PDB file of N, CA and C in Angstrom:
ATOM      1  N   MET A   1       9.031   3.038  -2.844  1.00  0.00           N
ATOM      2  CA  MET A   1       7.999   2.290  -2.137  1.00  0.00           C
ATOM      3  C   MET A   1       7.604   1.082  -2.991  1.00  0.00           C
ATOM      4  N   ASN A   2       7.396  -0.035  -2.338  1.00  0.00           N
ATOM      5  CA  ASN A   2       7.090  -1.292  -3.021  1.00  0.00           C
ATOM      6  C   ASN A   2       5.604  -1.645  -3.008  1.00  0.00           C
ATOM      7  N   LEU A   3       4.745  -0.667  -2.848  1.00  0.00           N
ATOM      8  CA  LEU A   3       3.320  -0.947  -2.684  1.00  0.00           C
ATOM      9  C   LEU A   3       2.744  -1.742  -3.854  1.00  0.00           C
ATOM     10  N   ARG A   4       2.932  -1.262  -5.052  1.00  0.00           N
ATOM     11  CA  ARG A   4       2.365  -1.946  -6.225  1.00  0.00           C
ATOM     12  C   ARG A   4       2.906  -3.374  -6.349  1.00  0.00           C
ATOM     13  N   LYS A   5       4.219  -3.508  -6.189  1.00  0.00           N
ATOM     14  CA  LYS A   5       4.851  -4.830  -6.311  1.00  0.00           C
ATOM     15  C   LYS A   5       4.277  -5.808  -5.289  1.00  0.00           C
ATOM     16  N   ILE A   6       4.173  -5.390  -4.041  1.00  0.00           N
ATOM     17  CA  ILE A   6       3.654  -6.267  -2.985  1.00  0.00           C
ATOM     18  C   ILE A   6       2.173  -6.562  -3.213  1.00  0.00           C
ATOM     19  N   ARG A   7       1.423  -5.547  -3.606  1.00  0.00           N
ATOM     20  CA  ARG A   7      -0.008  -5.744  -3.870  1.00  0.00           C
ATOM     21  C   ARG A   7      -0.216  -6.775  -4.975  1.00  0.00           C
ATOM     22  N   LEU A   8       0.564  -6.662  -6.040  1.00  0.00           N
ATOM     23  CA  LEU A   8       0.425  -7.610  -7.152  1.00  0.00           C
ATOM     24  C   LEU A   8       0.908  -9.008  -6.765  1.00  0.00           C
ATOM     25  N   GLN A   9       1.962  -9.097  -5.962  1.00  0.00           N
ATOM     26  CA  GLN A   9       2.440 -10.399  -5.489  1.00  0.00           C
ATOM     27  C   GLN A   9       1.370 -11.111  -4.677  1.00  0.00           C
ATOM     28  N   GLN A  10       0.556 -10.336  -3.970  1.00  0.00           N
ATOM     29  CA  GLN A  10      -0.506 -10.911  -3.149  1.00  0.00           C
ATOM     30  C   GLN A  10      -1.805 -11.048  -3.934  1.00  0.00           C
ATOM     31  N   ASP A  11      -1.730 -10.784  -5.242  1.00  0.00           N
ATOM     32  CA  ASP A  11      -2.877 -10.919  -6.138  1.00  0.00           C
ATOM     33  C   ASP A  11      -4.060 -10.074  -5.678  1.00  0.00           C
ATOM     34  N   LEU A  12      -3.771  -8.836  -5.265  1.00  0.00           N
ATOM     35  CA  LEU A  12      -4.808  -7.916  -4.804  1.00  0.00           C
ATOM     36  C   LEU A  12      -5.007  -6.799  -5.821  1.00  0.00           C
ATOM     37  N   THR A  13      -6.249  -6.417  -6.033  1.00  0.00           N
ATOM     38  CA  THR A  13      -6.548  -5.232  -6.823  1.00  0.00           C
ATOM     39  C   THR A  13      -6.509  -4.025  -5.897  1.00  0.00           C
ATOM     40  N   VAL A  14      -6.549  -2.847  -6.471  1.00  0.00           N
ATOM     41  CA  VAL A  14      -6.605  -1.634  -5.644  1.00  0.00           C
ATOM     42  C   VAL A  14      -7.873  -1.643  -4.782  1.00  0.00           C
ATOM     43  N   PRO A  15      -9.047  -1.985  -5.349  1.00  0.00           N
ATOM     44  CA  PRO A  15     -10.236  -2.057  -4.481  1.00  0.00           C
ATOM     45  C   PRO A  15     -10.106  -3.098  -3.362  1.00  0.00           C
ATOM     46  N   ASP A  16      -9.436  -4.219  -3.634  1.00  0.00           N
ATOM     47  CA  ASP A  16      -9.199  -5.217  -2.581  1.00  0.00           C
ATOM     48  C   ASP A  16      -8.384  -4.595  -1.444  1.00  0.00           C
ATOM     49  N   LEU A  17      -7.339  -3.885  -1.810  1.00  0.00           N
ATOM     50  CA  LEU A  17      -6.483  -3.268  -0.798  1.00  0.00           C
ATOM     51  C   LEU A  17      -7.247  -2.189  -0.035  1.00  0.00           C
ATOM     52  N   PHE A  18      -8.100  -1.448  -0.721  1.00  0.00           N
ATOM     53  CA  PHE A  18      -8.955  -0.471  -0.040  1.00  0.00           C
ATOM     54  C   PHE A  18      -9.804  -1.157   1.032  1.00  0.00           C
ATOM     55  N   ARG A  19     -10.422  -2.277   0.682  1.00  0.00           N
ATOM     56  CA  ARG A  19     -11.284  -2.985   1.634  1.00  0.00           C
ATOM     57  C   ARG A  19     -10.491  -3.487   2.845  1.00  0.00           C
ATOM     58  N   LYS A  20      -9.256  -3.900   2.613  1.00  0.00           N
ATOM     59  CA  LYS A  20      -8.429  -4.411   3.716  1.00  0.00           C
ATOM     60  C   LYS A  20      -7.851  -3.292   4.585  1.00  0.00           C
ATOM     61  N   SER A  21      -7.514  -2.174   3.960  1.00  0.00           N
ATOM     62  CA  SER A  21      -6.781  -1.118   4.671  1.00  0.00           C
ATOM     63  C   SER A  21      -7.629   0.089   5.050  1.00  0.00           C
ATOM     64  N   LYS A  22      -8.760   0.284   4.362  1.00  0.00           N
ATOM     65  CA  LYS A  22      -9.600   1.475   4.521  1.00  0.00           C
ATOM     66  C   LYS A  22      -8.890   2.747   4.055  1.00  0.00           C
ATOM     67  N   VAL A  23      -7.805   2.584   3.288  1.00  0.00           N
ATOM     68  CA  VAL A  23      -7.146   3.722   2.652  1.00  0.00           C
ATOM     69  C   VAL A  23      -7.879   3.952   1.332  1.00  0.00           C
ATOM     70  N   PRO A  24      -8.334   5.181   1.069  1.00  0.00           N
ATOM     71  CA  PRO A  24      -9.108   5.437  -0.151  1.00  0.00           C
ATOM     72  C   PRO A  24      -8.396   4.999  -1.437  1.00  0.00           C
ATOM     73  N   ILE A  25      -9.199   4.538  -2.387  1.00  0.00           N
ATOM     74  CA  ILE A  25      -8.658   4.056  -3.658  1.00  0.00           C
ATOM     75  C   ILE A  25      -7.788   5.119  -4.323  1.00  0.00           C
ATOM     76  N   ARG A  26      -8.279   6.341  -4.361  1.00  0.00           N
ATOM     77  CA  ARG A  26      -7.516   7.426  -4.991  1.00  0.00           C
ATOM     78  C   ARG A  26      -6.155   7.598  -4.311  1.00  0.00           C
ATOM     79  N   THR A  27      -6.108   7.477  -2.997  1.00  0.00           N
ATOM     80  CA  THR A  27      -4.847   7.605  -2.260  1.00  0.00           C
ATOM     81  C   THR A  27      -3.893   6.480  -2.631  1.00  0.00           C
ATOM     82  N   ILE A  28      -4.397   5.254  -2.697  1.00  0.00           N
ATOM     83  CA  ILE A  28      -3.552   4.114  -3.093  1.00  0.00           C
ATOM     84  C   ILE A  28      -2.989   4.344  -4.484  1.00  0.00           C
ATOM     85  N   GLU A  29      -3.839   4.764  -5.411  1.00  0.00           N
ATOM     86  CA  GLU A  29      -3.385   5.033  -6.779  1.00  0.00           C
ATOM     87  C   GLU A  29      -2.316   6.125  -6.800  1.00  0.00           C
ATOM     88  N   ASN A  30      -2.521   7.179  -6.022  1.00  0.00           N
ATOM     89  CA  ASN A  30      -1.535   8.269  -5.965  1.00  0.00           C
ATOM     90  C   ASN A  30      -0.212   7.803  -5.371  1.00  0.00           C
ATOM     91  N   ILE A  31      -0.278   6.966  -4.355  1.00  0.00           N
ATOM     92  CA  ILE A  31       0.952   6.448  -3.747  1.00  0.00           C
ATOM     93  C   ILE A  31       1.714   5.605  -4.756  1.00  0.00           C
ATOM     94  N   GLU A  32       1.000   4.746  -5.476  1.00  0.00           N
ATOM     95  CA  GLU A  32       1.669   3.905  -6.467  1.00  0.00           C
ATOM     96  C   GLU A  32       2.269   4.746  -7.589  1.00  0.00           C
ATOM     97  N   ARG A  33       1.623   5.841  -7.941  1.00  0.00           N
ATOM     98  CA  ARG A  33       2.100   6.711  -9.024  1.00  0.00           C
ATOM     99  C   ARG A  33       3.252   7.602  -8.558  1.00  0.00           C
ATOM    100  N   ASN A  34       3.120   8.183  -7.354  1.00  0.00           N
ATOM    101  CA  ASN A  34       4.086   9.185  -6.893  1.00  0.00           C
ATOM    102  C   ASN A  34       5.130   8.656  -5.921  1.00  0.00           C
ATOM    103  N   ASP A  35       4.931   7.420  -5.439  1.00  0.00           N
ATOM    104  CA  ASP A  35       5.910   6.792  -4.557  1.00  0.00           C
ATOM    105  C   ASP A  35       6.123   7.568  -3.259  1.00  0.00           C
ATOM    106  N   ASP A  36       5.034   8.131  -2.714  1.00  0.00           N
ATOM    107  CA  ASP A  36       5.159   8.953  -1.511  1.00  0.00           C
ATOM    108  C   ASP A  36       3.849   8.918  -0.730  1.00  0.00           C
ATOM    109  N   CYS A  37       3.946   8.871   0.598  1.00  0.00           N
ATOM    110  CA  CYS A  37       2.732   8.939   1.421  1.00  0.00           C
ATOM    111  C   CYS A  37       3.092   9.298   2.863  1.00  0.00           C
ATOM    112  N   LYS A  38       2.056   9.589   3.642  1.00  0.00           N
ATOM    113  CA  LYS A  38       2.228   9.860   5.063  1.00  0.00           C
ATOM    114  C   LYS A  38       2.594   8.567   5.784  1.00  0.00           C
ATOM    115  N   VAL A  39       3.311   8.697   6.878  1.00  0.00           N
ATOM    116  CA  VAL A  39       3.685   7.525   7.672  1.00  0.00           C
ATOM    117  C   VAL A  39       2.443   6.800   8.177  1.00  0.00           C
ATOM    118  N   SER A  40       1.430   7.553   8.603  1.00  0.00           N
ATOM    119  CA  SER A  40       0.219   6.917   9.126  1.00  0.00           C
ATOM    120  C   SER A  40      -0.472   6.075   8.047  1.00  0.00           C
ATOM    121  N   THR A  41      -0.434   6.532   6.819  1.00  0.00           N
ATOM    122  CA  THR A  41      -1.021   5.773   5.707  1.00  0.00           C
ATOM    123  C   THR A  41      -0.176   4.542   5.418  1.00  0.00           C
ATOM    124  N   ALA A  42       1.131   4.697   5.437  1.00  0.00           N
ATOM    125  CA  ALA A  42       2.023   3.563   5.186  1.00  0.00           C
ATOM    126  C   ALA A  42       1.812   2.475   6.237  1.00  0.00           C
ATOM    127  N   ILE A  43       1.581   2.858   7.478  1.00  0.00           N
ATOM    128  CA  ILE A  43       1.331   1.879   8.543  1.00  0.00           C
ATOM    129  C   ILE A  43       0.059   1.094   8.249  1.00  0.00           C
ATOM    130  N   LYS A  44      -1.005   1.783   7.854  1.00  0.00           N
ATOM    131  CA  LYS A  44      -2.261   1.097   7.520  1.00  0.00           C
ATOM    132  C   LYS A  44      -2.053   0.110   6.374  1.00  0.00           C
ATOM    133  N   LEU A  45      -1.317   0.541   5.360  1.00  0.00           N
ATOM    134  CA  LEU A  45      -1.093  -0.329   4.199  1.00  0.00           C
ATOM    135  C   LEU A  45      -0.218  -1.528   4.563  1.00  0.00           C
ATOM    136  N   ALA A  46       0.832  -1.295   5.326  1.00  0.00           N
ATOM    137  CA  ALA A  46       1.708  -2.384   5.746  1.00  0.00           C
ATOM    138  C   ALA A  46       0.936  -3.400   6.574  1.00  0.00           C
ATOM    139  N   ASP A  47       0.098  -2.921   7.480  1.00  0.00           N
ATOM    140  CA  ASP A  47      -0.724  -3.826   8.293  1.00  0.00           C
ATOM    141  C   ASP A  47      -1.665  -4.645   7.415  1.00  0.00           C
ATOM    142  N   ALA A  48      -2.315  -3.982   6.463  1.00  0.00           N
ATOM    143  CA  ALA A  48      -3.261  -4.675   5.586  1.00  0.00           C
ATOM    144  C   ALA A  48      -2.564  -5.714   4.714  1.00  0.00           C
ATOM    145  N   LEU A  49      -1.328  -5.430   4.329  1.00  0.00           N
ATOM    146  CA  LEU A  49      -0.570  -6.351   3.472  1.00  0.00           C
ATOM    147  C   LEU A  49       0.246  -7.361   4.279  1.00  0.00           C
ATOM    148  N   ASN A  50       0.232  -7.207   5.603  1.00  0.00           N
ATOM    149  CA  ASN A  50       0.976  -8.094   6.499  1.00  0.00           C
ATOM    150  C   ASN A  50       2.476  -8.089   6.184  1.00  0.00           C
ATOM    151  N   VAL A  51       3.012  -6.882   5.998  1.00  0.00           N
ATOM    152  CA  VAL A  51       4.446  -6.700   5.781  1.00  0.00           C
ATOM    153  C   VAL A  51       4.942  -5.622   6.739  1.00  0.00           C
ATOM    154  N   THR A  52       6.234  -5.521   6.893  1.00  0.00           N
ATOM    155  CA  THR A  52       6.797  -4.471   7.740  1.00  0.00           C
ATOM    156  C   THR A  52       6.853  -3.155   6.974  1.00  0.00           C
ATOM    157  N   LEU A  53       6.962  -2.054   7.701  1.00  0.00           N
ATOM    158  CA  LEU A  53       7.132  -0.777   7.042  1.00  0.00           C
ATOM    159  C   LEU A  53       8.402  -0.768   6.211  1.00  0.00           C
ATOM    160  N   ASP A  54       9.433  -1.416   6.706  1.00  0.00           N
ATOM    161  CA  ASP A  54      10.692  -1.505   5.979  1.00  0.00           C
ATOM    162  C   ASP A  54      10.490  -2.194   4.630  1.00  0.00           C
ATOM    163  N   GLU A  55       9.777  -3.305   4.627  1.00  0.00           N
ATOM    164  CA  GLU A  55       9.512  -4.020   3.372  1.00  0.00           C
ATOM    165  C   GLU A  55       8.699  -3.158   2.407  1.00  0.00           C
ATOM    166  N   LEU A  56       7.745  -2.438   2.945  1.00  0.00           N
ATOM    167  CA  LEU A  56       6.878  -1.605   2.110  1.00  0.00           C
ATOM    168  C   LEU A  56       7.609  -0.395   1.556  1.00  0.00           C
ATOM    169  N   CYS A  57       8.435   0.233   2.361  1.00  0.00           N
ATOM    170  CA  CYS A  57       8.991   1.532   1.992  1.00  0.00           C
ATOM    171  C   CYS A  57      10.367   1.511   1.349  1.00  0.00           C
ATOM    172  N   ARG A  58      11.099   0.455   1.515  1.00  0.00           N
ATOM    173  CA  ARG A  58      12.435   0.422   0.925  1.00  0.00           C
ATOM    174  C   ARG A  58      12.367   0.259  -0.585  1.00  0.00           C
ATOM    175  N   ALA A  59      13.180   1.052  -1.267  1.00  0.00           N
ATOM    176  CA  ALA A  59      13.189   0.989  -2.739  1.00  0.00           C
ATOM    177  C   ALA A  59      14.004  -0.190  -3.231  1.00  0.00           C
TER     178      ALA A  59
END
């Protein structure tokens, strides 16, 4: 998953992404650490980052 890379490219902090996506900070941190999440969460994050699920999830 490219969450951290995309978040940093967009100059967003984890709290910034929380505000945009409403995905809890702890969940974002866990996804970045473990590289795994529910599809419904990935959709929220992709929407907040304005990227496709493919861009977000492909390694």
